[in-house]
Amino acid sequence: MSEFAKKVLTAAKRIPRGQTRSYKEVAVAIGQSRAYRAVASVLAKNIDKTVPCHRVIKSDGSLGGYNGLRGEKEELLRREKIS
C-alpha cells in the first residue's frame, strides 16, 4: 500500500461518528489539496471495515459511491444520524 493510501485511510479513520468530510477536505487534511479524486479512488478500493469510508462525501453534499453500494452508504449515514 502506498504512503498516500495510508494517509487517506488514517484521515478517514479520524472522522468522528456522526460527522462527514468531503473528499477535498480529506485531501487537504493529508496535505494534498488537489488530490481529491485520488482520495476517492483510494476509498473506493478500501476493504478494511475499520475505515469509515461512508463518512466521506462529495463537496456538493451528495453521497458519491461506496464500493458501488450507494444505498448501503446512505443507510450507514442514517444510522449515525447524519442527514
PDB file of N, CA and C in Angstrom:
ATOM      1  N   MET A   1       0.848  -1.176   0.000  1.00  0.00           N
ATOM      2  CA  MET A   1       0.000   0.000   0.000  1.00  0.00           C
ATOM      3  C   MET A   1       0.897   1.244   0.000  1.00  0.00           C
ATOM      4  N   SER A   2       0.531   2.224  -0.793  1.00  0.00           N
ATOM      5  CA  SER A   2       1.328   3.443  -0.898  1.00  0.00           C
ATOM      6  C   SER A   2       1.200   4.306   0.362  1.00  0.00           C
ATOM      7  N   GLU A   3       2.158   5.174   0.547  1.00  0.00           N
ATOM      8  CA  GLU A   3       2.103   6.113   1.678  1.00  0.00           C
ATOM      9  C   GLU A   3       0.881   7.015   1.552  1.00  0.00           C
ATOM     10  N   PHE A   4       0.576   7.410   0.321  1.00  0.00           N
ATOM     11  CA  PHE A   4      -0.602   8.245   0.078  1.00  0.00           C
ATOM     12  C   PHE A   4      -1.858   7.522   0.562  1.00  0.00           C
ATOM     13  N   ALA A   5      -2.019   6.272   0.180  1.00  0.00           N
ATOM     14  CA  ALA A   5      -3.206   5.500   0.583  1.00  0.00           C
ATOM     15  C   ALA A   5      -3.272   5.362   2.098  1.00  0.00           C
ATOM     16  N   LYS A   6      -2.142   5.129   2.743  1.00  0.00           N
ATOM     17  CA  LYS A   6      -2.122   5.028   4.212  1.00  0.00           C
ATOM     18  C   LYS A   6      -2.588   6.323   4.852  1.00  0.00           C
ATOM     19  N   LYS A   7      -2.138   7.450   4.311  1.00  0.00           N
ATOM     20  CA  LYS A   7      -2.558   8.750   4.845  1.00  0.00           C
ATOM     21  C   LYS A   7      -4.057   8.964   4.672  1.00  0.00           C
ATOM     22  N   VAL A   8      -4.580   8.592   3.512  1.00  0.00           N
ATOM     23  CA  VAL A   8      -6.015   8.740   3.244  1.00  0.00           C
ATOM     24  C   VAL A   8      -6.824   7.899   4.232  1.00  0.00           C
ATOM     25  N   LEU A   9      -6.446   6.659   4.403  1.00  0.00           N
ATOM     26  CA  LEU A   9      -7.199   5.768   5.287  1.00  0.00           C
ATOM     27  C   LEU A   9      -7.096   6.218   6.744  1.00  0.00           C
ATOM     28  N   THR A  10      -5.944   6.707   7.142  1.00  0.00           N
ATOM     29  CA  THR A  10      -5.782   7.229   8.501  1.00  0.00           C
ATOM     30  C   THR A  10      -6.671   8.454   8.708  1.00  0.00           C
ATOM     31  N   ALA A  11      -6.695   9.344   7.736  1.00  0.00           N
ATOM     32  CA  ALA A  11      -7.542  10.540   7.837  1.00  0.00           C
ATOM     33  C   ALA A  11      -9.015  10.157   7.908  1.00  0.00           C
ATOM     34  N   ALA A  12      -9.423   9.178   7.131  1.00  0.00           N
ATOM     35  CA  ALA A  12     -10.820   8.734   7.158  1.00  0.00           C
ATOM     36  C   ALA A  12     -11.172   8.117   8.512  1.00  0.00           C
ATOM     37  N   LYS A  13     -10.234   7.394   9.097  1.00  0.00           N
ATOM     38  CA  LYS A  13     -10.479   6.793  10.416  1.00  0.00           C
ATOM     39  C   LYS A  13     -10.687   7.847  11.495  1.00  0.00           C
ATOM     40  N   ARG A  14     -10.154   9.022  11.290  1.00  0.00           N
ATOM     41  CA  ARG A  14     -10.253  10.099  12.283  1.00  0.00           C
ATOM     42  C   ARG A  14     -11.565  10.871  12.206  1.00  0.00           C
ATOM     43  N   ILE A  15     -12.393  10.598  11.221  1.00  0.00           N
ATOM     44  CA  ILE A  15     -13.674  11.300  11.108  1.00  0.00           C
ATOM     45  C   ILE A  15     -14.604  10.746  12.189  1.00  0.00           C
ATOM     46  N   PRO A  16     -15.043  11.603  13.105  1.00  0.00           N
ATOM     47  CA  PRO A  16     -15.892  11.122  14.200  1.00  0.00           C
ATOM     48  C   PRO A  16     -17.254  10.609  13.715  1.00  0.00           C
ATOM     49  N   ARG A  17     -17.766   9.664  14.445  1.00  0.00           N
ATOM     50  CA  ARG A  17     -19.118   9.152  14.191  1.00  0.00           C
ATOM     51  C   ARG A  17     -20.080  10.334  14.236  1.00  0.00           C
ATOM     52  N   GLY A  18     -20.995  10.373  13.284  1.00  0.00           N
ATOM     53  CA  GLY A  18     -21.972  11.461  13.234  1.00  0.00           C
ATOM     54  C   GLY A  18     -21.516  12.663  12.430  1.00  0.00           C
ATOM     55  N   GLN A  19     -20.317  12.582  11.836  1.00  0.00           N
ATOM     56  CA  GLN A  19     -19.807  13.677  11.015  1.00  0.00           C
ATOM     57  C   GLN A  19     -19.368  13.145   9.653  1.00  0.00           C
ATOM     58  N   THR A  20     -19.281  14.047   8.698  1.00  0.00           N
ATOM     59  CA  THR A  20     -18.776  13.689   7.374  1.00  0.00           C
ATOM     60  C   THR A  20     -17.680  14.669   6.990  1.00  0.00           C
ATOM     61  N   ARG A  21     -16.916  14.298   5.992  1.00  0.00           N
ATOM     62  CA  ARG A  21     -15.917  15.157   5.362  1.00  0.00           C
ATOM     63  C   ARG A  21     -16.034  14.942   3.862  1.00  0.00           C
ATOM     64  N   SER A  22     -15.677  15.955   3.107  1.00  0.00           N
ATOM     65  CA  SER A  22     -15.663  15.788   1.656  1.00  0.00           C
ATOM     66  C   SER A  22     -14.338  15.158   1.239  1.00  0.00           C
ATOM     67  N   TYR A  23     -14.318  14.628   0.037  1.00  0.00           N
ATOM     68  CA  TYR A  23     -13.074  14.083  -0.500  1.00  0.00           C
ATOM     69  C   TYR A  23     -11.995  15.169  -0.495  1.00  0.00           C
ATOM     70  N   LYS A  24     -12.391  16.389  -0.831  1.00  0.00           N
ATOM     71  CA  LYS A  24     -11.443  17.506  -0.844  1.00  0.00           C
ATOM     72  C   LYS A  24     -10.934  17.801   0.567  1.00  0.00           C
ATOM     73  N   GLU A  25     -11.801  17.769   1.570  1.00  0.00           N
ATOM     74  CA  GLU A  25     -11.364  18.013   2.946  1.00  0.00           C
ATOM     75  C   GLU A  25     -10.364  16.957   3.404  1.00  0.00           C
ATOM     76  N   VAL A  26     -10.569  15.731   2.992  1.00  0.00           N
ATOM     77  CA  VAL A  26      -9.613  14.671   3.328  1.00  0.00           C
ATOM     78  C   VAL A  26      -8.286  14.953   2.627  1.00  0.00           C
ATOM     79  N   ALA A  27      -8.353  15.355   1.374  1.00  0.00           N
ATOM     80  CA  ALA A  27      -7.127  15.674   0.631  1.00  0.00           C
ATOM     81  C   ALA A  27      -6.359  16.812   1.305  1.00  0.00           C
ATOM     82  N   VAL A  28      -7.070  17.845   1.737  1.00  0.00           N
ATOM     83  CA  VAL A  28      -6.434  18.966   2.429  1.00  0.00           C
ATOM     84  C   VAL A  28      -5.816  18.488   3.741  1.00  0.00           C
ATOM     85  N   ALA A  29      -6.537  17.627   4.459  1.00  0.00           N
ATOM     86  CA  ALA A  29      -6.065  17.129   5.756  1.00  0.00           C
ATOM     87  C   ALA A  29      -4.742  16.370   5.645  1.00  0.00           C
ATOM     88  N   ILE A  30      -4.511  15.749   4.506  1.00  0.00           N
ATOM     89  CA  ILE A  30      -3.256  14.998   4.344  1.00  0.00           C
ATOM     90  C   ILE A  30      -2.203  15.805   3.581  1.00  0.00           C
ATOM     91  N   GLY A  31      -2.492  17.082   3.352  1.00  0.00           N
ATOM     92  CA  GLY A  31      -1.514  17.952   2.698  1.00  0.00           C
ATOM     93  C   GLY A  31      -1.444  17.820   1.193  1.00  0.00           C
ATOM     94  N   GLN A  32      -2.510  17.302   0.587  1.00  0.00           N
ATOM     95  CA  GLN A  32      -2.552  17.102  -0.873  1.00  0.00           C
ATOM     96  C   GLN A  32      -3.848  17.705  -1.422  1.00  0.00           C
ATOM     97  N   SER A  33      -4.019  19.003  -1.271  1.00  0.00           N
ATOM     98  CA  SER A  33      -5.301  19.662  -1.534  1.00  0.00           C
ATOM     99  C   SER A  33      -5.895  19.421  -2.922  1.00  0.00           C
ATOM    100  N   ARG A  34      -5.088  19.127  -3.889  1.00  0.00           N
ATOM    101  CA  ARG A  34      -5.613  18.917  -5.248  1.00  0.00           C
ATOM    102  C   ARG A  34      -5.840  17.442  -5.574  1.00  0.00           C
ATOM    103  N   ALA A  35      -5.621  16.565  -4.631  1.00  0.00           N
ATOM    104  CA  ALA A  35      -5.691  15.117  -4.886  1.00  0.00           C
ATOM    105  C   ALA A  35      -7.017  14.499  -4.463  1.00  0.00           C
ATOM    106  N   TYR A  36      -8.089  15.265  -4.508  1.00  0.00           N
ATOM    107  CA  TYR A  36      -9.373  14.740  -4.035  1.00  0.00           C
ATOM    108  C   TYR A  36      -9.892  13.573  -4.866  1.00  0.00           C
ATOM    109  N   ARG A  37      -9.588  13.549  -6.154  1.00  0.00           N
ATOM    110  CA  ARG A  37     -10.008  12.398  -6.969  1.00  0.00           C
ATOM    111  C   ARG A  37      -9.212  11.156  -6.597  1.00  0.00           C
ATOM    112  N   ALA A  38      -7.948  11.335  -6.283  1.00  0.00           N
ATOM    113  CA  ALA A  38      -7.126  10.206  -5.832  1.00  0.00           C
ATOM    114  C   ALA A  38      -7.610   9.702  -4.475  1.00  0.00           C
ATOM    115  N   VAL A  39      -8.062  10.611  -3.607  1.00  0.00           N
ATOM    116  CA  VAL A  39      -8.645  10.216  -2.320  1.00  0.00           C
ATOM    117  C   VAL A  39      -9.859   9.327  -2.569  1.00  0.00           C
ATOM    118  N   ALA A  40     -10.719   9.754  -3.480  1.00  0.00           N
ATOM    119  CA  ALA A  40     -11.914   8.963  -3.804  1.00  0.00           C
ATOM    120  C   ALA A  40     -11.533   7.588  -4.331  1.00  0.00           C
ATOM    121  N   SER A  41     -10.495   7.530  -5.125  1.00  0.00           N
ATOM    122  CA  SER A  41     -10.043   6.257  -5.689  1.00  0.00           C
ATOM    123  C   SER A  41      -9.546   5.316  -4.597  1.00  0.00           C
ATOM    124  N   VAL A  42      -8.770   5.847  -3.664  1.00  0.00           N
ATOM    125  CA  VAL A  42      -8.274   5.018  -2.555  1.00  0.00           C
ATOM    126  C   VAL A  42      -9.447   4.474  -1.742  1.00  0.00           C
ATOM    127  N   LEU A  43     -10.387   5.347  -1.413  1.00  0.00           N
ATOM    128  CA  LEU A  43     -11.515   4.925  -0.584  1.00  0.00           C
ATOM    129  C   LEU A  43     -12.414   3.924  -1.319  1.00  0.00           C
ATOM    130  N   ALA A  44     -12.525   4.081  -2.621  1.00  0.00           N
ATOM    131  CA  ALA A  44     -13.359   3.159  -3.397  1.00  0.00           C
ATOM    132  C   ALA A  44     -12.789   1.745  -3.401  1.00  0.00           C
ATOM    133  N   LYS A  45     -11.475   1.637  -3.245  1.00  0.00           N
ATOM    134  CA  LYS A  45     -10.823   0.328  -3.270  1.00  0.00           C
ATOM    135  C   LYS A  45     -10.626  -0.274  -1.878  1.00  0.00           C
ATOM    136  N   ASN A  46     -10.935   0.495  -0.846  1.00  0.00           N
ATOM    137  CA  ASN A  46     -10.693   0.037   0.519  1.00  0.00           C
ATOM    138  C   ASN A  46     -11.595  -1.152   0.880  1.00  0.00           C
ATOM    139  N   ILE A  47     -11.024  -2.139   1.535  1.00  0.00           N
ATOM    140  CA  ILE A  47     -11.810  -3.287   2.014  1.00  0.00           C
ATOM    141  C   ILE A  47     -11.727  -3.437   3.530  1.00  0.00           C
ATOM    142  N   ASP A  48     -10.995  -2.538   4.171  1.00  0.00           N
ATOM    143  CA  ASP A  48     -10.837  -2.575   5.626  1.00  0.00           C
ATOM    144  C   ASP A  48     -12.095  -2.007   6.285  1.00  0.00           C
ATOM    145  N   LYS A  49     -12.845  -2.850   6.952  1.00  0.00           N
ATOM    146  CA  LYS A  49     -14.115  -2.445   7.568  1.00  0.00           C
ATOM    147  C   LYS A  49     -13.938  -1.476   8.734  1.00  0.00           C
ATOM    148  N   THR A  50     -12.708  -1.311   9.234  1.00  0.00           N
ATOM    149  CA  THR A  50     -12.481  -0.368  10.330  1.00  0.00           C
ATOM    150  C   THR A  50     -12.344   1.068   9.840  1.00  0.00           C
ATOM    151  N   VAL A  51     -12.294   1.254   8.531  1.00  0.00           N
ATOM    152  CA  VAL A  51     -12.192   2.589   7.948  1.00  0.00           C
ATOM    153  C   VAL A  51     -13.602   3.027   7.542  1.00  0.00           C
ATOM    154  N   PRO A  52     -14.112   4.095   8.151  1.00  0.00           N
ATOM    155  CA  PRO A  52     -15.485   4.536   7.853  1.00  0.00           C
ATOM    156  C   PRO A  52     -15.567   5.355   6.560  1.00  0.00           C
ATOM    157  N   CYS A  53     -15.314   4.702   5.451  1.00  0.00           N
ATOM    158  CA  CYS A  53     -15.319   5.372   4.146  1.00  0.00           C
ATOM    159  C   CYS A  53     -16.657   6.039   3.848  1.00  0.00           C
ATOM    160  N   HIS A  54     -17.719   5.497   4.427  1.00  0.00           N
ATOM    161  CA  HIS A  54     -19.048   6.051   4.165  1.00  0.00           C
ATOM    162  C   HIS A  54     -19.190   7.480   4.689  1.00  0.00           C
ATOM    163  N   ARG A  55     -18.302   7.923   5.541  1.00  0.00           N
ATOM    164  CA  ARG A  55     -18.353   9.281   6.086  1.00  0.00           C
ATOM    165  C   ARG A  55     -17.726  10.313   5.169  1.00  0.00           C
ATOM    166  N   VAL A  56     -17.194   9.882   4.048  1.00  0.00           N
ATOM    167  CA  VAL A  56     -16.586  10.799   3.087  1.00  0.00           C
ATOM    168  C   VAL A  56     -17.553  10.955   1.923  1.00  0.00           C
ATOM    169  N   ILE A  57     -17.925  12.209   1.670  1.00  0.00           N
ATOM    170  CA  ILE A  57     -18.937  12.523   0.660  1.00  0.00           C
ATOM    171  C   ILE A  57     -18.387  13.550  -0.329  1.00  0.00           C
ATOM    172  N   LYS A  58     -19.171  13.851  -1.342  1.00  0.00           N
ATOM    173  CA  LYS A  58     -18.771  14.841  -2.335  1.00  0.00           C
ATOM    174  C   LYS A  58     -18.905  16.254  -1.764  1.00  0.00           C
ATOM    175  N   SER A  59     -18.182  17.189  -2.317  1.00  0.00           N
ATOM    176  CA  SER A  59     -18.208  18.583  -1.846  1.00  0.00           C
ATOM    177  C   SER A  59     -19.579  19.219  -1.970  1.00  0.00           C
ATOM    178  N   ASP A  60     -20.381  18.770  -2.922  1.00  0.00           N
ATOM    179  CA  ASP A  60     -21.713  19.341  -3.092  1.00  0.00           C
ATOM    180  C   ASP A  60     -22.739  18.745  -2.128  1.00  0.00           C
ATOM    181  N   GLY A  61     -22.287  17.849  -1.260  1.00  0.00           N
ATOM    182  CA  GLY A  61     -23.170  17.248  -0.265  1.00  0.00           C
ATOM    183  C   GLY A  61     -23.804  15.940  -0.696  1.00  0.00           C
ATOM    184  N   SER A  62     -23.648  15.593  -1.966  1.00  0.00           N
ATOM    185  CA  SER A  62     -24.193  14.309  -2.412  1.00  0.00           C
ATOM    186  C   SER A  62     -23.271  13.191  -1.932  1.00  0.00           C
ATOM    187  N   LEU A  63     -23.779  11.978  -1.929  1.00  0.00           N
ATOM    188  CA  LEU A  63     -23.064  10.886  -1.301  1.00  0.00           C
ATOM    189  C   LEU A  63     -21.858  10.369  -2.059  1.00  0.00           C
ATOM    190  N   GLY A  64     -21.922  10.349  -3.360  1.00  0.00           N
ATOM    191  CA  GLY A  64     -20.850   9.695  -4.100  1.00  0.00           C
ATOM    192  C   GLY A  64     -21.002   8.191  -3.954  1.00  0.00           C
ATOM    193  N   GLY A  65     -20.013   7.455  -4.360  1.00  0.00           N
ATOM    194  CA  GLY A  65     -20.100   5.998  -4.304  1.00  0.00           C
ATOM    195  C   GLY A  65     -19.621   5.431  -2.989  1.00  0.00           C
ATOM    196  N   TYR A  66     -19.880   4.162  -2.828  1.00  0.00           N
ATOM    197  CA  TYR A  66     -19.421   3.441  -1.641  1.00  0.00           C
ATOM    198  C   TYR A  66     -19.242   2.002  -2.066  1.00  0.00           C
ATOM    199  N   ASN A  67     -18.099   1.703  -2.632  1.00  0.00           N
ATOM    200  CA  ASN A  67     -17.840   0.371  -3.189  1.00  0.00           C
ATOM    201  C   ASN A  67     -18.999  -0.077  -4.079  1.00  0.00           C
ATOM    202  N   GLY A  68     -19.583   0.899  -4.780  1.00  0.00           N
ATOM    203  CA  GLY A  68     -20.677   0.605  -5.691  1.00  0.00           C
ATOM    204  C   GLY A  68     -22.022   0.407  -5.009  1.00  0.00           C
ATOM    205  N   LEU A  69     -22.081   0.642  -3.709  1.00  0.00           N
ATOM    206  CA  LEU A  69     -23.310   0.386  -2.956  1.00  0.00           C
ATOM    207  C   LEU A  69     -23.849   1.672  -2.338  1.00  0.00           C
ATOM    208  N   ARG A  70     -24.332   2.578  -3.149  1.00  0.00           N
ATOM    209  CA  ARG A  70     -24.804   3.871  -2.666  1.00  0.00           C
ATOM    210  C   ARG A  70     -25.886   3.720  -1.600  1.00  0.00           C
ATOM    211  N   GLY A  71     -26.808   2.795  -1.772  1.00  0.00           N
ATOM    212  CA  GLY A  71     -27.872   2.598  -0.790  1.00  0.00           C
ATOM    213  C   GLY A  71     -27.314   2.204   0.572  1.00  0.00           C
ATOM    214  N   GLU A  72     -26.271   1.397   0.580  1.00  0.00           N
ATOM    215  CA  GLU A  72     -25.651   0.989   1.837  1.00  0.00           C
ATOM    216  C   GLU A  72     -24.989   2.187   2.516  1.00  0.00           C
ATOM    217  N   LYS A  73     -24.358   3.041   1.760  1.00  0.00           N
ATOM    218  CA  LYS A  73     -23.723   4.234   2.315  1.00  0.00           C
ATOM    219  C   LYS A  73     -24.779   5.126   2.962  1.00  0.00           C
ATOM    220  N   GLU A  74     -25.866   5.318   2.268  1.00  0.00           N
ATOM    221  CA  GLU A  74     -26.958   6.140   2.792  1.00  0.00           C
ATOM    222  C   GLU A  74     -27.498   5.558   4.098  1.00  0.00           C
ATOM    223  N   GLU A  75     -27.659   4.256   4.145  1.00  0.00           N
ATOM    224  CA  GLU A  75     -28.163   3.596   5.348  1.00  0.00           C
ATOM    225  C   GLU A  75     -27.185   3.739   6.516  1.00  0.00           C
ATOM    226  N   LEU A  76     -25.907   3.567   6.277  1.00  0.00           N
ATOM    227  CA  LEU A  76     -24.902   3.723   7.337  1.00  0.00           C
ATOM    228  C   LEU A  76     -24.910   5.145   7.894  1.00  0.00           C
ATOM    229  N   LEU A  77     -25.002   6.128   7.026  1.00  0.00           N
ATOM    230  CA  LEU A  77     -25.046   7.520   7.471  1.00  0.00           C
ATOM    231  C   LEU A  77     -26.317   7.802   8.251  1.00  0.00           C
ATOM    232  N   ARG A  78     -27.423   7.240   7.806  1.00  0.00           N
ATOM    233  CA  ARG A  78     -28.708   7.426   8.504  1.00  0.00           C
ATOM    234  C   ARG A  78     -28.621   6.850   9.913  1.00  0.00           C
ATOM    235  N   ARG A  79     -28.013   5.674  10.052  1.00  0.00           N
ATOM    236  CA  ARG A  79     -27.859   5.057  11.367  1.00  0.00           C
ATOM    237  C   ARG A  79     -27.003   5.895  12.297  1.00  0.00           C
ATOM    238  N   GLU A  80     -26.071   6.642  11.721  1.00  0.00           N
ATOM    239  CA  GLU A  80     -25.218   7.514  12.529  1.00  0.00           C
ATOM    240  C   GLU A  80     -25.836   8.886  12.740  1.00  0.00           C
ATOM    241  N   LYS A  81     -27.049   9.041  12.281  1.00  0.00           N
ATOM    242  CA  LYS A  81     -27.803  10.288  12.446  1.00  0.00           C
ATOM    243  C   LYS A  81     -27.221  11.433  11.635  1.00  0.00           C
ATOM    244  N   ILE A  82     -26.689  11.122  10.486  1.00  0.00           N
ATOM    245  CA  ILE A  82     -26.187  12.135   9.568  1.00  0.00           C
ATOM    246  C   ILE A  82     -27.217  12.261   8.466  1.00  0.00           C
ATOM    247  N   SER A  83     -27.689  13.469   8.249  1.00  0.00           N
ATOM    248  CA  SER A  83     -28.695  13.627   7.187  1.00  0.00           C
ATOM    249  C   SER A  83     -28.100  14.206   5.933  1.00  0.00           C
TER     250      SER A  83
END
